[in-house]
Amino acid sequence: MALLLDRDQRIVAANEAARGYFNIGRARLPASIVEATLEGNLVDVLRAGAPEGETHLVHRRRSVRTKLVPGPRPGETLMFLVDVTELRVLQRVRQEFVANLVHELKTPITSLRLTAESLLRDPTPKDRARFAERLVKEADLMSRIVDNLRQLAELESGALTVEVTSFNLGELIDELRTRLGPDRPVTVDVPEQLVISTDRPKLAQALGNLIDNAAKFSPAGSAVDIRSEVANSNVLINVRDRGPGISPEHWNRVFERFYKVDRARPRESGGFGLGLAISKHLVQAIGGRIWTEAAPEGGQVFYISLPAEALTGR
């Protein structure tokens, strides 16, 4: 994008990209930069006079890289703008990913080192067995992190194939509910003979992650609710917990890798923040949609919506 400004900092000309970006009609020029763009920070860029820089467009909530060069006539200035919003978002995501990965791996690595040092001190046979169990536990944790990251990479690259089969949704949910054990009540409300066509293993893993997540964040002994219905020809599945709920500002971000609403929550109870990210990509891979909302009765509810094509019979 390019803007040509006179010595009074009025825009006298703009290329097509800039006119479209700022919605500047030819008849409106010349005009002050604020009047034409509604962005006061561009005035600050001109006043600073730095040949290159970056600023935030408040009205559009975008970030742009700026470059100032002398115009074709004395006193004129050419301002070039490049929208770098998506680039900055990607940089932030990458930085957060690295920081979160380091955070998640630091604890098991530290535990492995301390346990190995304890073994070097020639402990008693009882302590040696306890230390060995700890080593295996932490190594398994790191292995799960690596396996989940590998699966996420495959999902994001689109390398996984989708194998569609027809199956009874209620039977799948009955299989998944048993993973919570006898101490966790589970209420299931699924229409009888609801047959769908999709990738069964991928849906099972995505839904299983939601069920495990609901159990982790619900008080001991409280129920996890699993419901399904056909709404507007789509198959809607939801899993509700009885936990404290999630503030709305976190609803989209909980599906990011390693994102945790409560970072003080122990690893053993809260996981390491990859299950929901995997569920999101699995659901997207089978053509569905996943989101979360506050449950009207309290707690949090996670939804999976499968397209009408998945509905084959009832």
C-alpha atoms as a PDB file:
ATOM      1  CA  MET A   1       0.000   0.000   0.000  1.00  0.00           C
ATOM      2  CA  ALA A   2       1.243   3.503  -0.814  1.00  0.00           C
ATOM      3  CA  LEU A   3       0.081   6.958   0.277  1.00  0.00           C
ATOM      4  CA  LEU A   4       1.410  10.223  -1.161  1.00  0.00           C
ATOM      5  CA  LEU A   5       1.323  13.094   1.334  1.00  0.00           C
ATOM      6  CA  ASP A   6       2.004  16.804   0.790  1.00  0.00           C
ATOM      7  CA  ARG A   7       3.957  19.115   3.087  1.00  0.00           C
ATOM      8  CA  ASP A   8       0.780  19.631   5.199  1.00  0.00           C
ATOM      9  CA  GLN A   9       0.517  15.885   5.789  1.00  0.00           C
ATOM     10  CA  ARG A  10      -2.576  15.587   3.624  1.00  0.00           C
ATOM     11  CA  ILE A  11      -3.072  12.527   1.436  1.00  0.00           C
ATOM     12  CA  VAL A  12      -3.124  13.687  -2.174  1.00  0.00           C
ATOM     13  CA  ALA A  13      -2.969  10.279  -3.810  1.00  0.00           C
ATOM     14  CA  ALA A  14      -3.222   6.576  -2.883  1.00  0.00           C
ATOM     15  CA  ASN A  15      -2.705   3.427  -4.871  1.00  0.00           C
ATOM     16  CA  GLU A  16      -5.491   0.889  -5.352  1.00  0.00           C
ATOM     17  CA  ALA A  17      -4.346  -1.323  -2.476  1.00  0.00           C
ATOM     18  CA  ALA A  18      -4.357   1.589  -0.019  1.00  0.00           C
ATOM     19  CA  ARG A  19      -7.737   2.882  -1.239  1.00  0.00           C
ATOM     20  CA  GLY A  20      -9.278  -0.538  -0.731  1.00  0.00           C
ATOM     21  CA  TYR A  21      -7.622  -1.106   2.645  1.00  0.00           C
ATOM     22  CA  PHE A  22      -8.674   2.268   4.087  1.00  0.00           C
ATOM     23  CA  ASN A  23     -11.846   2.629   2.004  1.00  0.00           C
ATOM     24  CA  ILE A  24     -10.670   5.916   0.477  1.00  0.00           C
ATOM     25  CA  GLY A  25     -12.741   7.214  -2.420  1.00  0.00           C
ATOM     26  CA  ARG A  26     -10.924   9.234  -5.076  1.00  0.00           C
ATOM     27  CA  ALA A  27     -13.354  12.126  -4.548  1.00  0.00           C
ATOM     28  CA  ARG A  28     -12.276  12.410  -0.893  1.00  0.00           C
ATOM     29  CA  LEU A  29      -8.713  13.430  -1.758  1.00  0.00           C
ATOM     30  CA  PRO A  30      -6.895  15.478  -0.801  1.00  0.00           C
ATOM     31  CA  ALA A  31      -7.695  14.931   2.864  1.00  0.00           C
ATOM     32  CA  SER A  32      -5.873  14.800   6.181  1.00  0.00           C
ATOM     33  CA  ILE A  33      -4.377  11.437   7.019  1.00  0.00           C
ATOM     34  CA  VAL A  34      -6.673  11.013  10.027  1.00  0.00           C
ATOM     35  CA  GLU A  35      -9.767  11.970   8.053  1.00  0.00           C
ATOM     36  CA  ALA A  36      -8.941   9.568   5.242  1.00  0.00           C
ATOM     37  CA  THR A  37      -7.693   6.574   7.267  1.00  0.00           C
ATOM     38  CA  LEU A  38      -9.151   7.119  10.766  1.00  0.00           C
ATOM     39  CA  GLU A  39      -5.724   6.132  12.116  1.00  0.00           C
ATOM     40  CA  GLY A  40      -4.039   8.690  14.351  1.00  0.00           C
ATOM     41  CA  ASN A  41      -0.933   6.554  14.802  1.00  0.00           C
ATOM     42  CA  LEU A  42       0.005   7.205  11.164  1.00  0.00           C
ATOM     43  CA  VAL A  43       0.388  10.887  12.075  1.00  0.00           C
ATOM     44  CA  ASP A  44       2.858   9.855  14.777  1.00  0.00           C
ATOM     45  CA  VAL A  45       4.789   7.863  12.163  1.00  0.00           C
ATOM     46  CA  LEU A  46       5.097  10.997  10.001  1.00  0.00           C
ATOM     47  CA  ARG A  47       6.117  13.174  12.930  1.00  0.00           C
ATOM     48  CA  ALA A  48       8.771  10.696  14.068  1.00  0.00           C
ATOM     49  CA  GLY A  49      10.208  10.696  10.555  1.00  0.00           C
ATOM     50  CA  ALA A  50      11.913   7.307  10.961  1.00  0.00           C
ATOM     51  CA  PRO A  51      12.614   5.786   7.524  1.00  0.00           C
ATOM     52  CA  GLU A  52      11.258   2.396   8.651  1.00  0.00           C
ATOM     53  CA  GLY A  53       9.133   1.268  11.555  1.00  0.00           C
ATOM     54  CA  GLU A  54       6.008  -0.504  12.689  1.00  0.00           C
ATOM     55  CA  THR A  55       2.768   0.734  14.213  1.00  0.00           C
ATOM     56  CA  HIS A  56      -0.641  -0.485  15.302  1.00  0.00           C
ATOM     57  CA  LEU A  57      -3.790   0.635  13.535  1.00  0.00           C
ATOM     58  CA  VAL A  58      -6.254   1.153  16.378  1.00  0.00           C
ATOM     59  CA  HIS A  59      -9.408   1.496  14.285  1.00  0.00           C
ATOM     60  CA  ARG A  60      -8.703  -1.660  12.255  1.00  0.00           C
ATOM     61  CA  ARG A  61      -6.871  -3.559  14.995  1.00  0.00           C
ATOM     62  CA  ARG A  62      -4.080  -4.417  12.595  1.00  0.00           C
ATOM     63  CA  SER A  63      -0.290  -4.075  12.655  1.00  0.00           C
ATOM     64  CA  VAL A  64       1.569  -2.529   9.731  1.00  0.00           C
ATOM     65  CA  ARG A  65       5.204  -2.065   8.808  1.00  0.00           C
ATOM     66  CA  THR A  66       5.905   1.474   7.565  1.00  0.00           C
ATOM     67  CA  LYS A  67       8.493   3.011   5.254  1.00  0.00           C
ATOM     68  CA  LEU A  68       8.895   6.720   4.470  1.00  0.00           C
ATOM     69  CA  VAL A  69      10.712   8.037   1.396  1.00  0.00           C
ATOM     70  CA  PRO A  70      10.793  11.505  -0.222  1.00  0.00           C
ATOM     71  CA  GLY A  71       8.010  12.106  -2.746  1.00  0.00           C
ATOM     72  CA  PRO A  72       8.426  13.196  -6.382  1.00  0.00           C
ATOM     73  CA  ARG A  73       8.071  16.913  -5.479  1.00  0.00           C
ATOM     74  CA  PRO A  74       9.704  18.944  -2.698  1.00  0.00           C
ATOM     75  CA  GLY A  75       7.928  18.572   0.637  1.00  0.00           C
ATOM     76  CA  GLU A  76       6.039  15.435  -0.399  1.00  0.00           C
ATOM     77  CA  THR A  77       6.389  12.080   1.354  1.00  0.00           C
ATOM     78  CA  LEU A  78       5.614   8.590   0.182  1.00  0.00           C
ATOM     79  CA  MET A  79       4.385   6.285   2.944  1.00  0.00           C
ATOM     80  CA  PHE A  80       4.493   2.567   2.183  1.00  0.00           C
ATOM     81  CA  LEU A  81       2.508   0.200   4.425  1.00  0.00           C
ATOM     82  CA  VAL A  82       2.612  -3.588   4.707  1.00  0.00           C
ATOM     83  CA  ASP A  83       0.091  -5.434   6.873  1.00  0.00           C
ATOM     84  CA  VAL A  84       2.059  -7.791   9.153  1.00  0.00           C
ATOM     85  CA  THR A  85      -0.741  -8.792  11.530  1.00  0.00           C
ATOM     86  CA  GLU A  86      -0.764 -12.478  10.620  1.00  0.00           C
ATOM     87  CA  LEU A  87       3.029 -12.590  10.683  1.00  0.00           C
ATOM     88  CA  ARG A  88       3.110 -11.192  14.221  1.00  0.00           C
ATOM     89  CA  VAL A  89       0.427 -13.667  15.319  1.00  0.00           C
ATOM     90  CA  LEU A  90       2.483 -16.551  13.921  1.00  0.00           C
ATOM     91  CA  GLN A  91       5.584 -15.247  15.678  1.00  0.00           C
ATOM     92  CA  ARG A  92       3.687 -15.038  18.959  1.00  0.00           C
ATOM     93  CA  VAL A  93       2.311 -18.548  18.535  1.00  0.00           C
ATOM     94  CA  ARG A  94       5.781 -19.899  17.759  1.00  0.00           C
ATOM     95  CA  GLN A  95       7.318 -18.144  20.759  1.00  0.00           C
ATOM     96  CA  GLU A  96       4.570 -19.380  23.059  1.00  0.00           C
ATOM     97  CA  PHE A  97       4.905 -22.897  21.667  1.00  0.00           C
ATOM     98  CA  VAL A  98       8.651 -23.000  22.366  1.00  0.00           C
ATOM     99  CA  ALA A  99       8.187 -21.509  25.837  1.00  0.00           C
ATOM    100  CA  ASN A 100       5.397 -23.954  26.677  1.00  0.00           C
ATOM    101  CA  LEU A 101       7.335 -26.949  25.346  1.00  0.00           C
ATOM    102  CA  VAL A 102      10.328 -25.976  27.472  1.00  0.00           C
ATOM    103  CA  HIS A 103       8.032 -25.566  30.467  1.00  0.00           C
ATOM    104  CA  GLU A 104       6.427 -28.979  29.988  1.00  0.00           C
ATOM    105  CA  LEU A 105       9.707 -30.818  29.458  1.00  0.00           C
ATOM    106  CA  LYS A 106      11.658 -29.058  32.205  1.00  0.00           C
ATOM    107  CA  THR A 107       9.855 -30.784  35.078  1.00  0.00           C
ATOM    108  CA  PRO A 108      10.232 -34.401  33.890  1.00  0.00           C
ATOM    109  CA  ILE A 109      13.841 -33.791  32.815  1.00  0.00           C
ATOM    110  CA  THR A 110      14.671 -32.310  36.225  1.00  0.00           C
ATOM    111  CA  SER A 111      12.946 -35.232  37.932  1.00  0.00           C
ATOM    112  CA  LEU A 112      14.863 -37.721  35.776  1.00  0.00           C
ATOM    113  CA  ARG A 113      18.177 -36.103  36.670  1.00  0.00           C
ATOM    114  CA  LEU A 114      17.465 -35.953  40.403  1.00  0.00           C
ATOM    115  CA  THR A 115      16.269 -39.552  40.435  1.00  0.00           C
ATOM    116  CA  ALA A 116      19.323 -40.721  38.480  1.00  0.00           C
ATOM    117  CA  GLU A 117      21.600 -38.885  40.934  1.00  0.00           C
ATOM    118  CA  SER A 118      19.824 -40.623  43.807  1.00  0.00           C
ATOM    119  CA  LEU A 119      20.491 -43.998  42.182  1.00  0.00           C
ATOM    120  CA  LEU A 120      24.188 -43.155  41.934  1.00  0.00           C
ATOM    121  CA  ARG A 121      24.346 -42.876  45.733  1.00  0.00           C
ATOM    122  CA  ASP A 122      23.757 -46.635  46.060  1.00  0.00           C
ATOM    123  CA  PRO A 123      20.355 -46.510  47.812  1.00  0.00           C
ATOM    124  CA  THR A 124      18.724 -49.413  49.606  1.00  0.00           C
ATOM    125  CA  PRO A 125      16.987 -52.013  47.420  1.00  0.00           C
ATOM    126  CA  LYS A 126      13.586 -50.587  48.434  1.00  0.00           C
ATOM    127  CA  ASP A 127      14.570 -47.040  47.478  1.00  0.00           C
ATOM    128  CA  ARG A 128      16.243 -48.298  44.301  1.00  0.00           C
ATOM    129  CA  ALA A 129      12.964 -49.852  43.153  1.00  0.00           C
ATOM    130  CA  ARG A 130      11.077 -46.651  43.992  1.00  0.00           C
ATOM    131  CA  PHE A 131      13.560 -44.535  42.052  1.00  0.00           C
ATOM    132  CA  ALA A 132      13.381 -46.904  39.080  1.00  0.00           C
ATOM    133  CA  GLU A 133       9.586 -46.592  39.031  1.00  0.00           C
ATOM    134  CA  ARG A 134       9.948 -42.824  39.053  1.00  0.00           C
ATOM    135  CA  LEU A 135      12.330 -42.959  36.086  1.00  0.00           C
ATOM    136  CA  VAL A 136       9.876 -45.081  34.115  1.00  0.00           C
ATOM    137  CA  LYS A 137       6.992 -42.737  34.974  1.00  0.00           C
ATOM    138  CA  GLU A 138       8.816 -39.593  33.852  1.00  0.00           C
ATOM    139  CA  ALA A 139      10.150 -41.292  30.712  1.00  0.00           C
ATOM    140  CA  ASP A 140       6.599 -42.386  29.837  1.00  0.00           C
ATOM    141  CA  LEU A 141       5.387 -38.814  30.320  1.00  0.00           C
ATOM    142  CA  MET A 142       8.012 -37.447  27.937  1.00  0.00           C
ATOM    143  CA  SER A 143       7.175 -40.195  25.457  1.00  0.00           C
ATOM    144  CA  ARG A 144       3.487 -39.208  25.516  1.00  0.00           C
ATOM    145  CA  ILE A 145       4.373 -35.571  24.897  1.00  0.00           C
ATOM    146  CA  VAL A 146       6.525 -36.543  21.915  1.00  0.00           C
ATOM    147  CA  ASP A 147       3.847 -38.902  20.539  1.00  0.00           C
ATOM    148  CA  ASN A 148       1.166 -36.226  20.836  1.00  0.00           C
ATOM    149  CA  LEU A 149       3.384 -33.646  19.144  1.00  0.00           C
ATOM    150  CA  ARG A 150       4.070 -36.087  16.330  1.00  0.00           C
ATOM    151  CA  GLN A 151       0.349 -36.697  15.871  1.00  0.00           C
ATOM    152  CA  LEU A 152      -0.359 -32.958  15.881  1.00  0.00           C
ATOM    153  CA  ALA A 153       2.288 -32.435  13.209  1.00  0.00           C
ATOM    154  CA  GLU A 154       0.688 -35.131  11.053  1.00  0.00           C
ATOM    155  CA  LEU A 155      -2.787 -33.666  11.549  1.00  0.00           C
ATOM    156  CA  GLU A 156      -1.669 -30.124  10.733  1.00  0.00           C
ATOM    157  CA  SER A 157       0.142 -31.286   7.617  1.00  0.00           C
ATOM    158  CA  GLY A 158      -2.949 -33.103   6.356  1.00  0.00           C
ATOM    159  CA  ALA A 159      -0.953 -36.333   6.058  1.00  0.00           C
ATOM    160  CA  LEU A 160      -3.550 -38.509   7.796  1.00  0.00           C
ATOM    161  CA  THR A 161      -6.155 -40.246   5.667  1.00  0.00           C
ATOM    162  CA  VAL A 162      -9.818 -40.381   6.635  1.00  0.00           C
ATOM    163  CA  GLU A 163     -11.403 -43.830   6.504  1.00  0.00           C
ATOM    164  CA  VAL A 164     -15.198 -43.597   6.636  1.00  0.00           C
ATOM    165  CA  THR A 165     -17.294 -46.413   8.089  1.00  0.00           C
ATOM    166  CA  SER A 166     -20.869 -46.605   9.374  1.00  0.00           C
ATOM    167  CA  PHE A 167     -21.442 -47.365  13.051  1.00  0.00           C
ATOM    168  CA  ASN A 168     -23.839 -46.834  15.938  1.00  0.00           C
ATOM    169  CA  LEU A 169     -22.905 -43.696  17.868  1.00  0.00           C
ATOM    170  CA  GLY A 170     -24.446 -44.946  21.104  1.00  0.00           C
ATOM    171  CA  GLU A 171     -22.254 -48.055  21.039  1.00  0.00           C
ATOM    172  CA  LEU A 172     -19.143 -45.937  20.572  1.00  0.00           C
ATOM    173  CA  ILE A 173     -20.077 -43.718  23.524  1.00  0.00           C
ATOM    174  CA  ASP A 174     -20.763 -46.789  25.681  1.00  0.00           C
ATOM    175  CA  GLU A 175     -17.238 -47.996  24.922  1.00  0.00           C
ATOM    176  CA  LEU A 176     -15.699 -44.620  25.781  1.00  0.00           C
ATOM    177  CA  ARG A 177     -17.580 -44.143  29.059  1.00  0.00           C
ATOM    178  CA  THR A 178     -15.953 -47.229  30.562  1.00  0.00           C
ATOM    179  CA  ARG A 179     -12.532 -45.532  30.480  1.00  0.00           C
ATOM    180  CA  LEU A 180     -13.577 -43.367  33.460  1.00  0.00           C
ATOM    181  CA  GLY A 181     -13.998 -46.333  35.789  1.00  0.00           C
ATOM    182  CA  PRO A 182     -16.730 -47.176  38.314  1.00  0.00           C
ATOM    183  CA  ASP A 183     -16.095 -44.178  40.601  1.00  0.00           C
ATOM    184  CA  ARG A 184     -17.129 -41.599  38.005  1.00  0.00           C
ATOM    185  CA  PRO A 185     -20.872 -41.433  37.230  1.00  0.00           C
ATOM    186  CA  VAL A 186     -21.643 -40.904  33.549  1.00  0.00           C
ATOM    187  CA  THR A 187     -25.048 -39.944  32.193  1.00  0.00           C
ATOM    188  CA  VAL A 188     -25.651 -40.714  28.518  1.00  0.00           C
ATOM    189  CA  ASP A 189     -28.490 -39.388  26.405  1.00  0.00           C
ATOM    190  CA  VAL A 190     -28.174 -40.613  22.813  1.00  0.00           C
ATOM    191  CA  PRO A 191     -31.028 -41.411  20.393  1.00  0.00           C
ATOM    192  CA  GLU A 192     -31.433 -45.130  19.848  1.00  0.00           C
ATOM    193  CA  GLN A 193     -30.120 -46.518  16.576  1.00  0.00           C
ATOM    194  CA  LEU A 194     -28.318 -43.308  15.662  1.00  0.00           C
ATOM    195  CA  VAL A 195     -26.037 -44.549  12.881  1.00  0.00           C
ATOM    196  CA  ILE A 196     -23.409 -42.210  11.456  1.00  0.00           C
ATOM    197  CA  SER A 197     -20.721 -42.453   8.776  1.00  0.00           C
ATOM    198  CA  THR A 198     -17.320 -40.995   9.599  1.00  0.00           C
ATOM    199  CA  ASP A 199     -13.830 -42.031  10.678  1.00  0.00           C
ATOM    200  CA  ARG A 200     -14.616 -44.001  13.834  1.00  0.00           C
ATOM    201  CA  PRO A 201     -11.100 -44.084  15.391  1.00  0.00           C
ATOM    202  CA  LYS A 202     -10.608 -40.340  14.911  1.00  0.00           C
ATOM    203  CA  LEU A 203     -14.002 -39.479  16.388  1.00  0.00           C
ATOM    204  CA  ALA A 204     -13.345 -41.913  19.243  1.00  0.00           C
ATOM    205  CA  GLN A 205     -10.040 -40.256  20.102  1.00  0.00           C
ATOM    206  CA  ALA A 206     -11.452 -36.723  19.852  1.00  0.00           C
ATOM    207  CA  LEU A 207     -14.490 -37.573  21.964  1.00  0.00           C
ATOM    208  CA  GLY A 208     -12.418 -39.620  24.387  1.00  0.00           C
ATOM    209  CA  ASN A 209     -10.169 -36.618  25.016  1.00  0.00           C
ATOM    210  CA  LEU A 210     -13.223 -34.506  25.843  1.00  0.00           C
ATOM    211  CA  ILE A 211     -14.529 -37.160  28.242  1.00  0.00           C
ATOM    212  CA  ASP A 212     -11.148 -37.476  29.981  1.00  0.00           C
ATOM    213  CA  ASN A 213     -10.913 -33.695  30.185  1.00  0.00           C
ATOM    214  CA  ALA A 214     -14.387 -33.444  31.759  1.00  0.00           C
ATOM    215  CA  ALA A 215     -13.456 -36.003  34.401  1.00  0.00           C
ATOM    216  CA  LYS A 216     -10.190 -34.196  35.250  1.00  0.00           C
ATOM    217  CA  PHE A 217     -11.924 -30.911  35.944  1.00  0.00           C
ATOM    218  CA  SER A 218     -15.001 -32.239  37.757  1.00  0.00           C
ATOM    219  CA  PRO A 219     -15.134 -32.796  41.523  1.00  0.00           C
ATOM    220  CA  ALA A 220     -14.651 -36.390  42.638  1.00  0.00           C
ATOM    221  CA  GLY A 221     -17.853 -38.395  42.389  1.00  0.00           C
ATOM    222  CA  SER A 222     -19.685 -35.844  40.228  1.00  0.00           C
ATOM    223  CA  ALA A 223     -21.217 -36.921  36.940  1.00  0.00           C
ATOM    224  CA  VAL A 224     -20.015 -36.351  33.393  1.00  0.00           C
ATOM    225  CA  ASP A 225     -22.865 -35.825  30.931  1.00  0.00           C
ATOM    226  CA  ILE A 226     -22.643 -37.076  27.335  1.00  0.00           C
ATOM    227  CA  ARG A 227     -25.489 -36.179  24.996  1.00  0.00           C
ATOM    228  CA  SER A 228     -26.159 -36.381  21.293  1.00  0.00           C
ATOM    229  CA  GLU A 229     -28.917 -35.153  19.040  1.00  0.00           C
ATOM    230  CA  VAL A 230     -29.674 -34.426  15.408  1.00  0.00           C
ATOM    231  CA  ALA A 231     -29.995 -30.659  14.948  1.00  0.00           C
ATOM    232  CA  ASN A 232     -30.596 -29.116  11.514  1.00  0.00           C
ATOM    233  CA  SER A 233     -29.561 -32.460   9.985  1.00  0.00           C
ATOM    234  CA  ASN A 234     -26.173 -32.231  11.751  1.00  0.00           C
ATOM    235  CA  VAL A 235     -25.030 -34.667  14.423  1.00  0.00           C
ATOM    236  CA  LEU A 236     -24.340 -32.764  17.640  1.00  0.00           C
ATOM    237  CA  ILE A 237     -22.419 -34.389  20.492  1.00  0.00           C
ATOM    238  CA  ASN A 238     -21.674 -32.596  23.751  1.00  0.00           C
ATOM    239  CA  VAL A 239     -19.743 -33.449  26.894  1.00  0.00           C
ATOM    240  CA  ARG A 240     -20.430 -31.502  30.078  1.00  0.00           C
ATOM    241  CA  ASP A 241     -18.335 -31.406  33.250  1.00  0.00           C
ATOM    242  CA  ARG A 242     -19.201 -30.199  36.763  1.00  0.00           C
ATOM    243  CA  GLY A 243     -16.051 -28.141  37.185  1.00  0.00           C
ATOM    244  CA  PRO A 244     -15.546 -24.411  37.866  1.00  0.00           C
ATOM    245  CA  GLY A 245     -16.017 -23.522  34.202  1.00  0.00           C
ATOM    246  CA  ILE A 246     -13.828 -21.460  31.880  1.00  0.00           C
ATOM    247  CA  SER A 247     -13.935 -17.688  31.408  1.00  0.00           C
ATOM    248  CA  PRO A 248     -15.102 -16.710  27.895  1.00  0.00           C
ATOM    249  CA  GLU A 249     -11.749 -15.132  26.967  1.00  0.00           C
ATOM    250  CA  HIS A 250     -10.197 -18.620  27.129  1.00  0.00           C
ATOM    251  CA  TRP A 251     -12.830 -20.469  25.068  1.00  0.00           C
ATOM    252  CA  ASN A 252     -10.972 -20.272  21.756  1.00  0.00           C
ATOM    253  CA  ARG A 253      -7.479 -20.574  23.179  1.00  0.00           C
ATOM    254  CA  VAL A 254      -8.064 -23.821  25.095  1.00  0.00           C
ATOM    255  CA  PHE A 255      -7.708 -25.621  21.756  1.00  0.00           C
ATOM    256  CA  GLU A 256      -4.148 -24.304  21.280  1.00  0.00           C
ATOM    257  CA  ARG A 257      -1.153 -26.527  21.945  1.00  0.00           C
ATOM    258  CA  PHE A 258      -0.015 -26.455  25.593  1.00  0.00           C
ATOM    259  CA  TYR A 259      -2.563 -23.789  26.504  1.00  0.00           C
ATOM    260  CA  LYS A 260      -3.750 -24.063  30.100  1.00  0.00           C
ATOM    261  CA  VAL A 261      -6.319 -21.901  31.830  1.00  0.00           C
ATOM    262  CA  ASP A 262      -4.750 -22.655  35.228  1.00  0.00           C
ATOM    263  CA  ARG A 263      -0.986 -23.132  34.981  1.00  0.00           C
ATOM    264  CA  ALA A 264      -0.764 -23.778  38.715  1.00  0.00           C
ATOM    265  CA  ARG A 265      -2.748 -26.998  38.305  1.00  0.00           C
ATOM    266  CA  PRO A 266      -0.554 -30.089  38.854  1.00  0.00           C
ATOM    267  CA  ARG A 267       0.577 -31.990  35.763  1.00  0.00           C
ATOM    268  CA  GLU A 268      -0.905 -35.208  37.065  1.00  0.00           C
ATOM    269  CA  SER A 269      -4.427 -33.758  37.262  1.00  0.00           C
ATOM    270  CA  GLY A 270      -4.407 -31.223  34.453  1.00  0.00           C
ATOM    271  CA  GLY A 271      -2.443 -32.979  31.731  1.00  0.00           C
ATOM    272  CA  PHE A 272       0.002 -31.054  29.596  1.00  0.00           C
ATOM    273  CA  GLY A 273      -2.340 -29.169  27.305  1.00  0.00           C
ATOM    274  CA  LEU A 274      -2.341 -31.203  24.084  1.00  0.00           C
ATOM    275  CA  GLY A 275      -5.558 -33.229  24.278  1.00  0.00           C
ATOM    276  CA  LEU A 276      -7.927 -30.461  23.196  1.00  0.00           C
ATOM    277  CA  ALA A 277      -5.579 -29.373  20.405  1.00  0.00           C
ATOM    278  CA  ILE A 278      -5.546 -32.935  19.085  1.00  0.00           C
ATOM    279  CA  SER A 279      -9.343 -33.156  19.373  1.00  0.00           C
ATOM    280  CA  LYS A 280      -9.737 -29.952  17.361  1.00  0.00           C
ATOM    281  CA  HIS A 281      -7.578 -31.205  14.506  1.00  0.00           C
ATOM    282  CA  LEU A 282      -9.176 -34.651  14.518  1.00  0.00           C
ATOM    283  CA  VAL A 283     -12.680 -33.158  14.323  1.00  0.00           C
ATOM    284  CA  GLN A 284     -11.621 -30.793  11.541  1.00  0.00           C
ATOM    285  CA  ALA A 285     -10.042 -33.717   9.674  1.00  0.00           C
ATOM    286  CA  ILE A 286     -13.410 -35.499   9.557  1.00  0.00           C
ATOM    287  CA  GLY A 287     -15.202 -32.329   8.434  1.00  0.00           C
ATOM    288  CA  GLY A 288     -16.667 -31.343  11.782  1.00  0.00           C
ATOM    289  CA  ARG A 289     -16.510 -28.415  14.162  1.00  0.00           C
ATOM    290  CA  ILE A 290     -15.593 -28.212  17.860  1.00  0.00           C
ATOM    291  CA  TRP A 291     -16.162 -25.456  20.407  1.00  0.00           C
ATOM    292  CA  THR A 292     -16.927 -24.841  24.072  1.00  0.00           C
ATOM    293  CA  GLU A 293     -19.441 -22.805  26.057  1.00  0.00           C
ATOM    294  CA  ALA A 294     -20.501 -22.393  29.646  1.00  0.00           C
ATOM    295  CA  ALA A 295     -23.107 -24.960  30.648  1.00  0.00           C
ATOM    296  CA  PRO A 296     -26.396 -23.315  31.730  1.00  0.00           C
ATOM    297  CA  GLU A 297     -26.541 -25.629  34.760  1.00  0.00           C
ATOM    298  CA  GLY A 298     -22.922 -24.887  35.707  1.00  0.00           C
ATOM    299  CA  GLY A 299     -19.595 -26.259  34.543  1.00  0.00           C
ATOM    300  CA  GLN A 300     -18.320 -26.319  30.983  1.00  0.00           C
ATOM    301  CA  VAL A 301     -19.682 -28.080  27.907  1.00  0.00           C
ATOM    302  CA  PHE A 302     -17.702 -29.053  24.821  1.00  0.00           C
ATOM    303  CA  TYR A 303     -19.471 -29.589  21.511  1.00  0.00           C
ATOM    304  CA  ILE A 304     -18.653 -31.619  18.399  1.00  0.00           C
ATOM    305  CA  SER A 305     -20.813 -31.012  15.349  1.00  0.00           C
ATOM    306  CA  LEU A 306     -20.589 -33.400  12.412  1.00  0.00           C
ATOM    307  CA  PRO A 307     -21.969 -32.414   8.995  1.00  0.00           C
ATOM    308  CA  ALA A 308     -25.224 -33.729   7.601  1.00  0.00           C
ATOM    309  CA  GLU A 309     -23.269 -36.129   5.371  1.00  0.00           C
ATOM    310  CA  ALA A 310     -22.355 -38.101   8.507  1.00  0.00           C
ATOM    311  CA  LEU A 311     -26.001 -38.901   9.247  1.00  0.00           C
ATOM    312  CA  THR A 312     -26.920 -42.157   7.522  1.00  0.00           C
ATOM    313  CA  GLY A 313     -29.831 -43.496   9.514  1.00  0.00           C
ATOM    314  CA  ARG A 314     -31.655 -43.618  12.822  1.00  0.00           C
END
